[in-house]
Amino acid sequence: MGNQNNPEKIQLIEGWSFNKTNYIIFFIGVLFIIFGYIIMATGTVNSFQSLTLAPIMLFLGYIIFIPASLIYQEK
């Protein structure tokens, strides 16, 4: 009886199903984040690693791959 009164809730739950591709993209994002922090910690204060490479990797992990894993849907 509760499902018949709220069909939007059923569609939302079905729309958020993760498949293998979503988990792979999410895992890649987590790896980018982990390696970004490792690279930032191992570089010196004013090095290319700490000032350029690590922030780019963190940006890709947090802003590109993690949201992409949530948005991506197979047809």
N, C-alpha and C. Protein backbone atom coordinates (compact mmCIF):
# COMPACT_ATOMS: atom_id res chain seq x y z
N MET A 1 0.82 -1.18 0.00
CA MET A 1 0.00 0.00 0.00
C MET A 1 0.87 1.25 0.00
N GLY A 2 2.00 1.23 0.71
CA GLY A 2 2.88 2.38 0.76
C GLY A 2 3.56 2.62 -0.58
N ASN A 3 3.84 1.56 -1.34
CA ASN A 3 4.51 1.72 -2.64
C ASN A 3 3.58 2.31 -3.69
N GLN A 4 2.29 2.04 -3.59
CA GLN A 4 1.35 2.56 -4.58
C GLN A 4 1.13 4.06 -4.41
N ASN A 5 1.25 4.56 -3.20
CA ASN A 5 1.02 5.98 -2.95
C ASN A 5 2.22 6.84 -3.33
N ASN A 6 3.41 6.27 -3.42
CA ASN A 6 4.61 7.05 -3.67
C ASN A 6 5.46 6.41 -4.78
N PRO A 7 5.04 6.51 -6.05
CA PRO A 7 5.82 5.87 -7.12
C PRO A 7 7.14 6.57 -7.39
N GLU A 8 7.30 7.84 -6.99
CA GLU A 8 8.56 8.55 -7.20
C GLU A 8 9.69 7.94 -6.38
N LYS A 9 9.39 7.45 -5.22
CA LYS A 9 10.40 6.84 -4.36
C LYS A 9 10.96 5.58 -5.01
N ILE A 10 10.15 4.81 -5.66
CA ILE A 10 10.60 3.59 -6.33
C ILE A 10 11.54 3.96 -7.48
N GLN A 11 11.21 4.98 -8.24
CA GLN A 11 12.05 5.38 -9.36
C GLN A 11 13.38 5.92 -8.88
N LEU A 12 13.41 6.64 -7.77
CA LEU A 12 14.65 7.17 -7.24
C LEU A 12 15.58 6.04 -6.81
N ILE A 13 15.04 5.07 -6.12
CA ILE A 13 15.85 3.95 -5.66
C ILE A 13 16.37 3.15 -6.85
N GLU A 14 15.57 2.91 -7.85
CA GLU A 14 16.00 2.17 -9.02
C GLU A 14 17.02 2.97 -9.83
N GLY A 15 16.92 4.29 -9.82
CA GLY A 15 17.83 5.12 -10.58
C GLY A 15 19.23 5.21 -9.97
N TRP A 16 19.39 4.87 -8.69
CA TRP A 16 20.68 4.98 -8.03
C TRP A 16 21.40 3.65 -7.93
N SER A 17 21.03 2.69 -8.73
CA SER A 17 21.70 1.40 -8.64
C SER A 17 23.10 1.50 -9.24
N PHE A 18 24.06 0.98 -8.51
CA PHE A 18 25.45 0.96 -8.97
C PHE A 18 25.71 -0.36 -9.68
N ASN A 19 26.51 -0.30 -10.71
CA ASN A 19 26.96 -1.52 -11.37
C ASN A 19 28.48 -1.56 -11.31
N LYS A 20 29.07 -2.50 -12.01
CA LYS A 20 30.52 -2.70 -11.95
C LYS A 20 31.28 -1.46 -12.44
N THR A 21 30.79 -0.82 -13.48
CA THR A 21 31.46 0.35 -14.04
C THR A 21 31.48 1.49 -13.03
N ASN A 22 30.39 1.71 -12.31
CA ASN A 22 30.35 2.76 -11.30
C ASN A 22 31.39 2.51 -10.20
N TYR A 23 31.51 1.27 -9.77
CA TYR A 23 32.48 0.96 -8.73
C TYR A 23 33.91 1.13 -9.24
N ILE A 24 34.18 0.80 -10.48
CA ILE A 24 35.51 0.98 -11.05
C ILE A 24 35.87 2.46 -11.11
N ILE A 25 34.95 3.30 -11.58
CA ILE A 25 35.19 4.74 -11.65
C ILE A 25 35.39 5.31 -10.24
N PHE A 26 34.60 4.86 -9.29
CA PHE A 26 34.75 5.32 -7.90
C PHE A 26 36.10 4.91 -7.33
N PHE A 27 36.52 3.68 -7.61
CA PHE A 27 37.81 3.19 -7.11
C PHE A 27 38.96 3.98 -7.73
N ILE A 28 38.87 4.32 -9.01
CA ILE A 28 39.89 5.15 -9.65
C ILE A 28 39.96 6.52 -8.97
N GLY A 29 38.81 7.10 -8.65
CA GLY A 29 38.79 8.38 -7.96
C GLY A 29 39.44 8.29 -6.59
N VAL A 30 39.18 7.23 -5.86
CA VAL A 30 39.79 7.04 -4.54
C VAL A 30 41.30 6.88 -4.68
N LEU A 31 41.75 6.14 -5.70
CA LEU A 31 43.19 5.99 -5.93
C LEU A 31 43.84 7.33 -6.25
N PHE A 32 43.21 8.16 -7.07
CA PHE A 32 43.74 9.48 -7.37
C PHE A 32 43.87 10.30 -6.10
N ILE A 33 42.88 10.23 -5.22
CA ILE A 33 42.92 10.99 -3.98
C ILE A 33 44.05 10.49 -3.07
N ILE A 34 44.16 9.19 -2.92
CA ILE A 34 45.21 8.62 -2.06
C ILE A 34 46.59 8.98 -2.59
N PHE A 35 46.82 8.76 -3.90
CA PHE A 35 48.13 9.07 -4.46
C PHE A 35 48.40 10.58 -4.46
N GLY A 36 47.37 11.39 -4.60
CA GLY A 36 47.55 12.84 -4.52
C GLY A 36 48.07 13.26 -3.16
N TYR A 37 47.50 12.71 -2.09
CA TYR A 37 47.99 13.04 -0.75
C TYR A 37 49.39 12.48 -0.51
N ILE A 38 49.67 11.29 -1.01
CA ILE A 38 51.01 10.71 -0.85
C ILE A 38 52.05 11.56 -1.58
N ILE A 39 51.75 11.97 -2.81
CA ILE A 39 52.67 12.81 -3.57
C ILE A 39 52.86 14.15 -2.88
N MET A 40 51.80 14.71 -2.33
CA MET A 40 51.92 15.98 -1.63
C MET A 40 52.79 15.85 -0.38
N ALA A 41 52.69 14.74 0.31
CA ALA A 41 53.45 14.55 1.53
C ALA A 41 54.93 14.26 1.26
N THR A 42 55.24 13.63 0.14
CA THR A 42 56.63 13.26 -0.14
C THR A 42 57.41 14.38 -0.81
N GLY A 43 56.76 15.33 -1.44
CA GLY A 43 57.46 16.43 -2.09
C GLY A 43 57.91 17.48 -1.10
N THR A 44 58.91 18.26 -1.52
CA THR A 44 59.33 19.36 -0.66
C THR A 44 58.29 20.48 -0.74
N VAL A 45 58.46 21.50 0.06
CA VAL A 45 57.43 22.54 0.20
C VAL A 45 57.17 23.26 -1.12
N ASN A 46 58.18 23.65 -1.82
CA ASN A 46 58.01 24.43 -3.05
C ASN A 46 58.34 23.61 -4.30
N SER A 47 58.03 22.35 -4.31
CA SER A 47 58.35 21.51 -5.46
C SER A 47 57.17 21.42 -6.42
N PHE A 48 57.46 20.94 -7.62
CA PHE A 48 56.42 20.71 -8.63
C PHE A 48 55.40 19.70 -8.10
N GLN A 49 55.89 18.70 -7.37
CA GLN A 49 55.00 17.68 -6.83
C GLN A 49 53.94 18.28 -5.91
N SER A 50 54.39 19.07 -4.96
CA SER A 50 53.47 19.59 -3.94
C SER A 50 52.58 20.71 -4.45
N LEU A 51 53.09 21.52 -5.36
CA LEU A 51 52.34 22.70 -5.79
C LEU A 51 51.49 22.48 -7.04
N THR A 52 51.83 21.50 -7.86
CA THR A 52 51.11 21.33 -9.12
C THR A 52 50.52 19.94 -9.29
N LEU A 53 51.35 18.92 -9.20
CA LEU A 53 50.91 17.55 -9.51
C LEU A 53 49.88 17.03 -8.51
N ALA A 54 50.16 17.17 -7.22
CA ALA A 54 49.24 16.67 -6.19
C ALA A 54 47.88 17.37 -6.23
N PRO A 55 47.82 18.71 -6.33
CA PRO A 55 46.50 19.34 -6.42
C PRO A 55 45.71 18.94 -7.67
N ILE A 56 46.40 18.71 -8.78
CA ILE A 56 45.70 18.25 -9.99
C ILE A 56 45.11 16.87 -9.76
N MET A 57 45.87 15.98 -9.14
CA MET A 57 45.36 14.63 -8.86
C MET A 57 44.19 14.67 -7.88
N LEU A 58 44.28 15.52 -6.86
CA LEU A 58 43.18 15.64 -5.91
C LEU A 58 41.94 16.22 -6.58
N PHE A 59 42.13 17.20 -7.45
CA PHE A 59 41.01 17.77 -8.19
C PHE A 59 40.33 16.71 -9.05
N LEU A 60 41.13 15.93 -9.77
CA LEU A 60 40.55 14.88 -10.61
C LEU A 60 39.78 13.86 -9.77
N GLY A 61 40.32 13.49 -8.62
CA GLY A 61 39.64 12.51 -7.77
C GLY A 61 38.34 13.03 -7.20
N TYR A 62 38.41 14.23 -6.58
CA TYR A 62 37.25 14.77 -5.89
C TYR A 62 36.19 15.36 -6.83
N ILE A 63 36.61 16.03 -7.88
CA ILE A 63 35.68 16.80 -8.70
C ILE A 63 35.26 16.07 -9.98
N ILE A 64 36.09 15.17 -10.47
CA ILE A 64 35.78 14.50 -11.74
C ILE A 64 35.31 13.06 -11.52
N PHE A 65 36.18 12.22 -10.93
CA PHE A 65 35.89 10.78 -10.88
C PHE A 65 34.79 10.40 -9.89
N ILE A 66 34.80 10.94 -8.68
CA ILE A 66 33.78 10.56 -7.69
C ILE A 66 32.38 10.99 -8.16
N PRO A 67 32.18 12.24 -8.59
CA PRO A 67 30.85 12.59 -9.12
C PRO A 67 30.48 11.82 -10.39
N ALA A 68 31.46 11.53 -11.23
CA ALA A 68 31.18 10.76 -12.44
C ALA A 68 30.69 9.36 -12.10
N SER A 69 31.23 8.79 -11.03
CA SER A 69 30.77 7.45 -10.63
C SER A 69 29.33 7.48 -10.13
N LEU A 70 28.92 8.61 -9.57
CA LEU A 70 27.54 8.73 -9.11
C LEU A 70 26.57 9.01 -10.25
N ILE A 71 27.03 9.71 -11.28
CA ILE A 71 26.16 10.14 -12.36
C ILE A 71 26.04 9.08 -13.46
N TYR A 72 27.11 8.33 -13.71
CA TYR A 72 27.16 7.43 -14.86
C TYR A 72 26.08 6.35 -14.77
N GLN A 73 25.38 6.13 -15.89
CA GLN A 73 24.40 5.07 -16.00
C GLN A 73 24.57 4.36 -17.34
N GLU A 74 24.56 3.05 -17.32
CA GLU A 74 24.63 2.29 -18.56
C GLU A 74 23.25 2.29 -19.22
N LYS A 75 23.26 2.23 -20.53
CA LYS A 75 21.99 2.25 -21.25
C LYS A 75 21.41 0.87 -21.41
